[in-house]
């Protein structure tokens, strides 16, 4: 076979089409590298820290703290306004997701927890943790 006849076909990403999911107990499913214990969300197929490929599926904690946020006012895809934020779940894991908290309550270091909801296109979002003072 000559080089002119050789056709390379792209291989699909093994993570493609697998959205972040909640486990049966309502927690986010993530990954932890068996070589260096780095966490990922969604589950990575190659560790971002040590480049190992042995990543186990784990349940991530439900509770975290809001690191930062922004409110989207113009979107061609979703009803606006909506809030997106970075939530620290573990010391080495910051998750980007929808945050369902009123504007008056939004604050850095706000305790939040993951919940299923029909208000989010993903079926889950972070909400203010009940009983917590900010």
N, C-alpha and C. Protein backbone atom coordinates (compact mmCIF):
# COMPACT_ATOMS: atom_id res chain seq x y z
N UNK A 1 0.85 -1.18 0.00
CA UNK A 1 0.00 0.00 0.00
C UNK A 1 0.89 1.24 0.00
N UNK A 2 0.64 2.15 -0.90
CA UNK A 2 1.43 3.37 -0.98
C UNK A 2 0.87 4.40 -0.01
N UNK A 3 1.66 5.45 0.23
CA UNK A 3 1.22 6.52 1.12
C UNK A 3 -0.05 7.19 0.61
N UNK A 4 -0.22 7.24 -0.71
CA UNK A 4 -1.41 7.87 -1.30
C UNK A 4 -2.66 7.07 -0.96
N UNK A 5 -2.53 5.77 -0.74
CA UNK A 5 -3.67 4.92 -0.45
C UNK A 5 -3.98 4.84 1.06
N UNK A 6 -3.05 5.23 1.89
CA UNK A 6 -3.22 5.13 3.33
C UNK A 6 -4.14 6.24 3.83
N UNK A 7 -5.22 5.85 4.46
CA UNK A 7 -6.18 6.81 5.00
C UNK A 7 -6.30 6.57 6.49
N UNK A 8 -6.00 7.58 7.26
CA UNK A 8 -6.13 7.46 8.71
C UNK A 8 -7.49 7.98 9.13
N UNK A 9 -8.24 7.16 9.82
CA UNK A 9 -9.56 7.53 10.32
C UNK A 9 -9.44 7.98 11.77
N UNK A 10 -10.13 9.05 12.16
CA UNK A 10 -10.05 9.50 13.56
C UNK A 10 -10.72 8.50 14.49
N UNK A 11 -10.16 8.35 15.65
CA UNK A 11 -10.73 7.50 16.70
C UNK A 11 -11.53 8.38 17.64
N UNK A 12 -12.74 7.96 18.02
CA UNK A 12 -13.51 8.78 18.97
C UNK A 12 -12.84 8.81 20.33
N UNK A 13 -12.97 9.94 21.01
CA UNK A 13 -12.46 10.08 22.36
C UNK A 13 -13.23 9.10 23.25
N UNK A 14 -12.53 8.34 24.08
CA UNK A 14 -13.22 7.35 24.90
C UNK A 14 -14.11 7.99 25.95
N UNK A 15 -13.94 9.28 26.21
CA UNK A 15 -14.80 9.96 27.17
C UNK A 15 -15.94 10.71 26.50
N UNK A 16 -15.95 10.73 25.18
CA UNK A 16 -16.94 11.50 24.43
C UNK A 16 -18.35 10.95 24.65
N UNK A 17 -19.29 11.85 24.84
CA UNK A 17 -20.68 11.44 24.97
C UNK A 17 -21.04 10.87 26.33
N UNK A 18 -20.16 10.97 27.29
CA UNK A 18 -20.43 10.46 28.62
C UNK A 18 -20.52 11.63 29.58
N UNK A 19 -21.71 12.23 29.74
CA UNK A 19 -21.83 13.40 30.60
C UNK A 19 -21.62 13.05 32.07
N UNK A 20 -21.32 14.08 32.83
CA UNK A 20 -21.19 13.90 34.27
C UNK A 20 -22.49 13.34 34.81
N UNK A 21 -22.39 12.39 35.72
CA UNK A 21 -23.59 11.75 36.24
C UNK A 21 -23.58 11.76 37.76
N UNK A 22 -24.79 11.69 38.28
CA UNK A 22 -24.95 11.49 39.70
C UNK A 22 -25.04 9.99 39.96
N UNK A 23 -24.46 9.54 41.02
CA UNK A 23 -24.55 8.14 41.39
C UNK A 23 -25.92 7.89 42.02
N UNK A 24 -26.20 6.65 42.33
CA UNK A 24 -27.47 6.29 42.95
C UNK A 24 -27.69 6.97 44.28
N UNK A 25 -26.62 7.35 44.95
CA UNK A 25 -26.74 8.05 46.24
C UNK A 25 -26.77 9.56 46.09
N UNK A 26 -26.84 10.06 44.84
CA UNK A 26 -26.97 11.50 44.60
C UNK A 26 -25.66 12.26 44.61
N UNK A 27 -24.53 11.57 44.53
CA UNK A 27 -23.23 12.23 44.51
C UNK A 27 -22.69 12.27 43.08
N UNK A 28 -21.81 13.21 42.81
CA UNK A 28 -21.19 13.29 41.49
C UNK A 28 -20.18 12.16 41.33
N UNK A 29 -20.12 11.61 40.13
CA UNK A 29 -19.16 10.57 39.82
C UNK A 29 -17.92 11.22 39.24
N UNK A 30 -16.79 10.96 39.84
CA UNK A 30 -15.53 11.52 39.37
C UNK A 30 -14.48 10.44 39.26
N UNK A 31 -13.23 10.84 39.24
CA UNK A 31 -12.14 9.88 39.13
C UNK A 31 -11.01 10.21 40.08
N UNK A 32 -10.23 9.16 40.40
CA UNK A 32 -9.03 9.32 41.23
C UNK A 32 -7.94 8.46 40.61
N UNK A 33 -6.79 9.07 40.37
CA UNK A 33 -5.65 8.36 39.80
C UNK A 33 -5.10 7.38 40.83
N UNK A 34 -4.93 6.14 40.44
CA UNK A 34 -4.39 5.13 41.36
C UNK A 34 -2.89 5.32 41.59
N UNK A 35 -2.22 6.04 40.70
CA UNK A 35 -0.78 6.24 40.83
C UNK A 35 -0.44 7.40 41.77
N UNK A 36 -1.18 8.52 41.67
CA UNK A 36 -0.81 9.70 42.47
C UNK A 36 -1.96 10.27 43.29
N UNK A 37 -3.15 9.68 43.19
CA UNK A 37 -4.34 10.08 43.96
C UNK A 37 -4.95 11.42 43.54
N UNK A 38 -4.57 11.95 42.38
CA UNK A 38 -5.19 13.19 41.89
C UNK A 38 -6.63 12.93 41.52
N UNK A 39 -7.51 13.89 41.80
CA UNK A 39 -8.94 13.76 41.51
C UNK A 39 -9.29 14.48 40.22
N UNK A 40 -10.39 14.03 39.58
CA UNK A 40 -10.85 14.68 38.35
C UNK A 40 -12.37 14.64 38.29
N UNK A 41 -12.93 15.64 37.62
CA UNK A 41 -14.35 15.67 37.33
C UNK A 41 -14.57 16.44 36.04
N UNK A 42 -15.25 15.83 35.08
CA UNK A 42 -15.65 14.44 35.11
C UNK A 42 -14.43 13.54 35.11
N UNK A 43 -14.65 12.25 35.29
CA UNK A 43 -13.54 11.30 35.37
C UNK A 43 -12.63 11.46 34.16
N UNK A 44 -11.36 11.65 34.42
CA UNK A 44 -10.37 11.75 33.35
C UNK A 44 -9.96 10.34 32.92
N UNK A 45 -9.46 10.23 31.72
CA UNK A 45 -8.95 8.95 31.25
C UNK A 45 -7.43 8.91 31.31
N UNK A 46 -6.83 10.09 31.47
CA UNK A 46 -5.40 10.22 31.69
C UNK A 46 -5.22 11.24 32.80
N UNK A 47 -4.41 10.93 33.79
CA UNK A 47 -4.21 11.82 34.94
C UNK A 47 -3.54 13.12 34.50
N UNK A 48 -4.11 14.24 34.94
CA UNK A 48 -3.54 15.55 34.59
C UNK A 48 -2.24 15.81 35.34
N UNK A 49 -1.99 15.10 36.43
CA UNK A 49 -0.78 15.33 37.22
C UNK A 49 0.38 14.44 36.79
N UNK A 50 0.15 13.12 36.71
CA UNK A 50 1.26 12.20 36.44
C UNK A 50 1.15 11.48 35.10
N UNK A 51 0.06 11.70 34.38
CA UNK A 51 -0.18 11.14 33.04
C UNK A 51 -0.43 9.63 33.04
N UNK A 52 -0.70 9.06 34.20
CA UNK A 52 -1.06 7.64 34.27
C UNK A 52 -2.46 7.45 33.70
N UNK A 53 -2.77 6.23 33.28
CA UNK A 53 -4.09 5.97 32.71
C UNK A 53 -4.96 5.09 33.61
N UNK A 54 -4.50 4.77 34.79
CA UNK A 54 -5.27 3.94 35.72
C UNK A 54 -6.09 4.85 36.64
N UNK A 55 -7.28 5.22 36.17
CA UNK A 55 -8.14 6.15 36.90
C UNK A 55 -9.37 5.38 37.37
N UNK A 56 -9.56 5.33 38.68
CA UNK A 56 -10.74 4.64 39.21
C UNK A 56 -11.92 5.59 39.32
N UNK A 57 -13.11 5.05 39.18
CA UNK A 57 -14.34 5.83 39.32
C UNK A 57 -14.66 5.92 40.81
N UNK A 58 -14.95 7.14 41.28
CA UNK A 58 -15.27 7.34 42.69
C UNK A 58 -16.47 8.28 42.81
N UNK A 59 -17.09 8.25 43.99
CA UNK A 59 -18.11 9.24 44.33
C UNK A 59 -17.40 10.44 44.95
N UNK A 60 -17.74 11.62 44.48
CA UNK A 60 -17.16 12.84 45.02
C UNK A 60 -18.03 13.34 46.16
N UNK A 61 -17.47 14.12 47.08
CA UNK A 61 -18.29 14.65 48.17
C UNK A 61 -19.39 15.56 47.63
N UNK A 62 -20.51 15.60 48.32
CA UNK A 62 -21.64 16.45 47.91
C UNK A 62 -21.40 17.90 48.28
N UNK A 63 -20.70 18.13 49.37
CA UNK A 63 -20.53 19.48 49.91
C UNK A 63 -19.22 20.12 49.47
N UNK A 64 -19.29 21.42 49.21
CA UNK A 64 -18.11 22.17 48.84
C UNK A 64 -18.29 23.63 49.18
N UNK A 65 -17.37 24.45 48.71
CA UNK A 65 -17.48 25.89 48.93
C UNK A 65 -17.37 26.61 47.58
N UNK A 66 -18.18 27.63 47.43
CA UNK A 66 -18.18 28.41 46.20
C UNK A 66 -16.92 29.26 46.14
N UNK A 67 -16.10 29.04 45.13
CA UNK A 67 -14.85 29.78 44.98
C UNK A 67 -15.08 31.10 44.25
N UNK A 68 -15.86 31.03 43.16
CA UNK A 68 -16.13 32.22 42.35
C UNK A 68 -17.34 31.93 41.48
N UNK A 69 -17.96 32.97 40.93
CA UNK A 69 -19.15 32.78 40.11
C UNK A 69 -19.30 33.92 39.13
N UNK A 70 -20.18 33.69 38.14
CA UNK A 70 -20.58 34.72 37.19
C UNK A 70 -22.03 34.46 36.82
N UNK A 71 -22.74 35.51 36.51
CA UNK A 71 -24.13 35.37 36.06
C UNK A 71 -24.19 35.67 34.57
N UNK A 72 -24.75 34.75 33.83
CA UNK A 72 -24.88 34.86 32.38
C UNK A 72 -26.21 35.53 32.06
N UNK A 73 -26.16 36.61 31.27
CA UNK A 73 -27.37 37.35 30.92
C UNK A 73 -27.78 37.18 29.47
N UNK A 74 -26.86 36.71 28.62
CA UNK A 74 -27.18 36.50 27.21
C UNK A 74 -26.69 35.11 26.83
N UNK A 75 -27.61 34.29 26.30
CA UNK A 75 -27.25 32.93 25.89
C UNK A 75 -28.16 32.49 24.75
N UNK A 76 -27.58 31.94 23.70
CA UNK A 76 -28.42 31.44 22.62
C UNK A 76 -29.04 30.08 22.94
N UNK A 77 -28.54 29.43 23.98
CA UNK A 77 -28.96 28.06 24.24
C UNK A 77 -29.86 27.89 25.46
N UNK A 78 -29.71 28.73 26.48
CA UNK A 78 -30.43 28.53 27.73
C UNK A 78 -31.17 29.79 28.15
N UNK A 79 -32.23 29.61 28.92
CA UNK A 79 -32.97 30.74 29.45
C UNK A 79 -32.08 31.51 30.43
N UNK A 80 -32.07 32.82 30.31
CA UNK A 80 -31.22 33.65 31.16
C UNK A 80 -32.08 34.45 32.13
N UNK A 81 -31.50 34.97 33.19
CA UNK A 81 -30.12 34.79 33.62
C UNK A 81 -29.93 33.46 34.36
N UNK A 82 -28.69 32.99 34.37
CA UNK A 82 -28.32 31.83 35.18
C UNK A 82 -26.91 32.04 35.68
N UNK A 83 -26.59 31.36 36.77
CA UNK A 83 -25.30 31.54 37.42
C UNK A 83 -24.45 30.29 37.28
N UNK A 84 -23.19 30.49 36.92
CA UNK A 84 -22.19 29.42 36.86
C UNK A 84 -21.11 29.73 37.87
N UNK A 85 -20.53 28.70 38.44
CA UNK A 85 -19.49 28.95 39.42
C UNK A 85 -18.49 27.82 39.53
N UNK A 86 -17.38 28.14 40.16
CA UNK A 86 -16.37 27.15 40.52
C UNK A 86 -16.58 26.78 41.97
N UNK A 87 -16.69 25.48 42.23
CA UNK A 87 -16.92 24.97 43.59
C UNK A 87 -15.75 24.07 43.97
N UNK A 88 -15.14 24.36 45.11
CA UNK A 88 -14.06 23.52 45.64
C UNK A 88 -14.68 22.35 46.39
N UNK A 89 -14.50 21.14 45.84
CA UNK A 89 -15.02 19.93 46.49
C UNK A 89 -13.95 19.24 47.33
N UNK A 90 -12.73 19.25 46.84
CA UNK A 90 -11.59 18.64 47.51
C UNK A 90 -10.41 19.60 47.38
N UNK A 91 -9.36 19.42 48.17
CA UNK A 91 -8.22 20.34 48.06
C UNK A 91 -7.63 20.43 46.64
N UNK A 92 -7.75 19.34 45.86
CA UNK A 92 -7.19 19.36 44.50
C UNK A 92 -8.26 19.30 43.42
N UNK A 93 -9.51 19.63 43.77
CA UNK A 93 -10.58 19.52 42.77
C UNK A 93 -11.54 20.69 42.86
N UNK A 94 -11.59 21.44 41.77
CA UNK A 94 -12.51 22.57 41.62
C UNK A 94 -13.43 22.26 40.43
N UNK A 95 -14.74 22.26 40.67
CA UNK A 95 -15.73 21.88 39.67
C UNK A 95 -16.45 23.12 39.14
N UNK A 96 -16.64 23.19 37.83
CA UNK A 96 -17.37 24.27 37.18
C UNK A 96 -18.78 23.77 36.91
N UNK A 97 -19.79 24.47 37.44
CA UNK A 97 -21.16 23.99 37.32
C UNK A 97 -22.16 25.12 37.53
N UNK A 98 -23.42 24.81 37.28
CA UNK A 98 -24.48 25.78 37.56
C UNK A 98 -24.68 25.89 39.06
N UNK A 99 -24.93 27.13 39.51
CA UNK A 99 -25.16 27.41 40.93
C UNK A 99 -26.54 28.05 41.06
N UNK A 100 -27.41 27.42 41.85
CA UNK A 100 -28.76 27.93 42.06
C UNK A 100 -28.84 28.57 43.44
N UNK A 101 -28.38 29.80 43.51
CA UNK A 101 -28.37 30.58 44.74
C UNK A 101 -28.83 31.99 44.36
N UNK A 102 -29.64 32.61 45.19
CA UNK A 102 -30.11 33.96 44.89
C UNK A 102 -28.93 34.93 44.86
N UNK A 103 -29.08 35.99 44.06
CA UNK A 103 -28.01 37.00 43.95
C UNK A 103 -27.60 37.55 45.30
N UNK A 104 -28.57 37.75 46.18
CA UNK A 104 -28.27 38.33 47.50
C UNK A 104 -27.41 37.41 48.35
N UNK A 105 -27.48 36.10 48.12
CA UNK A 105 -26.75 35.13 48.95
C UNK A 105 -25.41 34.73 48.34
N UNK A 106 -25.18 35.03 47.06
CA UNK A 106 -23.92 34.64 46.42
C UNK A 106 -22.75 35.31 47.12
N UNK A 107 -21.75 34.51 47.48
CA UNK A 107 -20.55 35.02 48.13
C UNK A 107 -19.45 33.98 48.02
N UNK A 108 -18.22 34.45 47.92
CA UNK A 108 -17.09 33.52 47.95
C UNK A 108 -17.10 32.79 49.29
N UNK A 109 -16.71 31.54 49.27
CA UNK A 109 -16.66 30.65 50.44
C UNK A 109 -18.04 30.26 50.96
N UNK A 110 -19.09 30.48 50.17
CA UNK A 110 -20.43 30.06 50.56
C UNK A 110 -20.49 28.54 50.56
N UNK A 111 -20.93 27.91 51.65
CA UNK A 111 -21.09 26.45 51.65
C UNK A 111 -22.22 26.04 50.71
N UNK A 112 -21.93 25.11 49.80
CA UNK A 112 -22.92 24.62 48.85
C UNK A 112 -22.92 23.10 48.84
N UNK A 113 -23.98 22.54 48.26
CA UNK A 113 -24.09 21.09 48.13
C UNK A 113 -24.74 20.77 46.80
N UNK A 114 -24.45 19.60 46.26
CA UNK A 114 -25.01 19.21 44.97
C UNK A 114 -26.42 18.66 45.16
N UNK A 115 -27.31 19.00 44.21
CA UNK A 115 -28.70 18.54 44.24
C UNK A 115 -29.16 18.24 42.82
N UNK A 116 -30.05 17.28 42.70
CA UNK A 116 -30.70 17.07 41.41
C UNK A 116 -31.75 18.16 41.25
N UNK A 117 -31.94 18.61 40.01
CA UNK A 117 -32.91 19.68 39.76
C UNK A 117 -33.30 19.70 38.29
N UNK A 118 -34.54 20.02 38.03
CA UNK A 118 -35.01 20.20 36.67
C UNK A 118 -34.68 21.60 36.15
N UNK A 119 -34.19 22.48 37.02
CA UNK A 119 -33.83 23.85 36.63
C UNK A 119 -32.51 23.92 35.86
N UNK A 120 -31.77 22.83 35.85
CA UNK A 120 -30.47 22.81 35.18
C UNK A 120 -30.51 21.85 34.00
N UNK A 121 -29.91 22.23 32.87
CA UNK A 121 -29.88 21.32 31.71
C UNK A 121 -29.14 20.01 32.00
N UNK A 122 -28.25 20.01 32.99
CA UNK A 122 -27.51 18.80 33.32
C UNK A 122 -28.28 17.89 34.27
N UNK A 123 -29.34 18.41 34.89
CA UNK A 123 -30.10 17.62 35.85
C UNK A 123 -29.59 17.75 37.27
N UNK A 124 -28.52 18.53 37.47
CA UNK A 124 -27.96 18.76 38.80
C UNK A 124 -27.33 20.14 38.85
N UNK A 125 -27.19 20.65 40.06
CA UNK A 125 -26.55 21.96 40.27
C UNK A 125 -26.14 22.05 41.73
N UNK A 126 -25.38 23.08 42.03
CA UNK A 126 -25.03 23.34 43.43
C UNK A 126 -26.02 24.35 43.99
N UNK A 127 -26.45 24.10 45.24
CA UNK A 127 -27.35 24.99 45.95
C UNK A 127 -26.72 25.31 47.30
N UNK A 128 -27.22 26.37 47.93
CA UNK A 128 -26.69 26.74 49.24
C UNK A 128 -26.99 25.63 50.23
N UNK A 129 -25.98 25.29 51.03
CA UNK A 129 -26.12 24.24 52.03
C UNK A 129 -27.02 24.77 53.16
N UNK A 130 -28.08 24.05 53.44
CA UNK A 130 -29.05 24.48 54.47
C UNK A 130 -28.40 24.50 55.85
N UNK A 131 -28.81 25.50 56.62
CA UNK A 131 -28.34 25.60 58.00
C UNK A 131 -26.94 26.18 58.15
N UNK A 132 -26.33 26.58 57.06
CA UNK A 132 -24.97 27.15 57.12
C UNK A 132 -25.04 28.67 57.07
N UNK A 133 -24.26 29.30 57.88
CA UNK A 133 -24.16 30.76 57.86
C UNK A 133 -22.97 31.14 57.02
N UNK A 134 -23.14 32.15 56.18
CA UNK A 134 -22.00 32.60 55.36
C UNK A 134 -21.46 33.90 55.90
